[in-house]
Amino acid sequence: MPTLLSFLVRVFLVAAGLLFAASLAAAALVMLVAWALRAGWAKLTGQPATPFIVRIDPRAGFRRMYRRAGEPSRTPRADAVQPGRAADDVTDVEPR
């Protein structure tokens, strides 16, 4: 019984893989046909065939975040200052 169940699971997984591969091939074929029709129409009308371009600037996300952040606050947080502790108690670490 376990061998029959494992065989059926394997058959199901192979069928799912084949279905996924066929769907990827169909999507690629649709995109190829759309590109060929677009290029053919451009050639037929005498216009230059412009390529599909996705303009993505990776720096745009950083710029947007820096703009949205605004100016840092000059007042310290309430939990950053410990009561009863003077600035004279703080010593710097000397690098070796």
Protein backbone atom coordinates (compact mmCIF):
# COMPACT_ATOMS: atom_id res chain seq x y z
CA MET A 1 0.00 0.00 0.00
CA PRO A 2 2.73 2.58 0.78
CA THR A 3 4.42 1.89 -2.56
CA LEU A 4 1.16 2.53 -4.43
CA LEU A 5 0.62 5.79 -2.53
CA SER A 6 4.20 6.95 -3.16
CA PHE A 7 3.85 6.04 -6.83
CA LEU A 8 0.65 8.10 -7.09
CA VAL A 9 2.33 11.06 -5.36
CA ARG A 10 5.23 10.85 -7.82
CA VAL A 11 2.85 10.70 -10.79
CA PHE A 12 0.95 13.70 -9.43
CA LEU A 13 4.17 15.70 -8.95
CA VAL A 14 5.41 14.87 -12.45
CA ALA A 15 2.04 15.88 -13.91
CA ALA A 16 2.11 19.16 -11.94
CA GLY A 17 5.64 19.85 -13.18
CA LEU A 18 4.67 19.17 -16.77
CA LEU A 19 1.63 21.44 -16.43
CA PHE A 20 3.81 24.23 -15.00
CA ALA A 21 6.37 23.83 -17.81
CA ALA A 22 3.60 23.88 -20.41
CA SER A 23 2.13 27.05 -18.92
CA LEU A 24 5.54 28.75 -18.99
CA ALA A 25 6.01 27.70 -22.61
CA ALA A 26 2.54 29.02 -23.51
CA ALA A 27 3.26 32.37 -21.83
CA ALA A 28 6.57 32.65 -23.69
CA LEU A 29 4.83 31.80 -26.95
CA VAL A 30 2.17 34.47 -26.38
CA MET A 31 4.86 37.06 -25.68
CA LEU A 32 6.79 35.99 -28.80
CA VAL A 33 3.67 36.29 -30.96
CA ALA A 34 2.88 39.72 -29.51
CA TRP A 35 6.44 40.89 -30.16
CA ALA A 36 6.36 39.54 -33.72
CA LEU A 37 3.00 41.22 -34.45
CA ARG A 38 4.30 44.51 -33.07
CA ALA A 39 7.51 44.30 -35.11
CA GLY A 40 5.54 43.31 -38.22
CA TRP A 41 3.14 46.21 -37.78
CA ALA A 42 6.05 48.63 -37.33
CA LYS A 43 7.68 47.33 -40.51
CA LEU A 44 4.39 47.48 -42.40
CA THR A 45 3.72 51.09 -41.40
CA GLY A 46 7.37 52.16 -41.86
CA GLN A 47 7.93 53.11 -38.22
CA PRO A 48 11.00 52.06 -36.25
CA ALA A 49 10.42 49.07 -34.01
CA THR A 50 11.18 50.24 -30.50
CA PRO A 51 12.16 47.57 -28.01
CA PHE A 52 10.28 46.82 -24.83
CA ILE A 53 12.07 48.84 -22.15
CA VAL A 54 11.39 48.85 -18.44
CA ARG A 55 13.05 51.88 -16.91
CA ILE A 56 13.89 51.03 -13.32
CA ASP A 57 16.29 53.16 -11.31
CA PRO A 58 17.42 51.38 -8.16
CA ARG A 59 18.43 54.70 -6.62
CA ALA A 60 14.86 56.01 -6.81
CA GLY A 61 13.77 53.96 -3.80
CA PHE A 62 16.56 55.35 -1.65
CA ARG A 63 15.81 58.90 -2.75
CA ARG A 64 12.14 58.46 -1.92
CA MET A 65 12.95 57.10 1.54
CA TYR A 66 15.39 59.92 2.30
CA ARG A 67 12.84 62.53 1.22
CA ARG A 68 10.11 60.93 3.31
CA ALA A 69 12.30 60.67 6.41
CA GLY A 70 12.53 64.43 6.86
CA GLU A 71 14.88 66.21 9.21
CA PRO A 72 16.16 64.37 12.29
CA SER A 73 14.99 65.68 15.62
CA ARG A 74 17.47 67.74 17.64
CA THR A 75 15.84 66.93 20.98
CA PRO A 76 17.00 63.69 22.62
CA ARG A 77 14.57 60.93 23.37
CA ALA A 78 13.21 60.73 26.89
CA ASP A 79 14.71 57.29 27.49
CA ALA A 80 18.15 58.34 26.19
CA VAL A 81 18.84 60.59 29.19
CA GLN A 82 19.32 58.82 32.49
CA PRO A 83 18.44 60.90 35.54
CA GLY A 84 21.25 61.53 38.01
CA ARG A 85 24.03 60.92 35.48
CA ALA A 86 26.32 63.74 34.54
CA ALA A 87 28.26 64.13 31.33
CA ASP A 88 31.51 63.93 33.36
CA ASP A 89 30.85 60.22 34.01
CA VAL A 90 31.21 59.38 30.31
CA THR A 91 34.66 58.34 29.05
CA ASP A 92 35.72 57.77 25.50
CA VAL A 93 37.16 54.49 24.31
CA GLU A 94 40.70 54.72 23.05
CA PRO A 95 41.45 52.64 19.93
CA ARG A 96 44.43 50.31 20.09
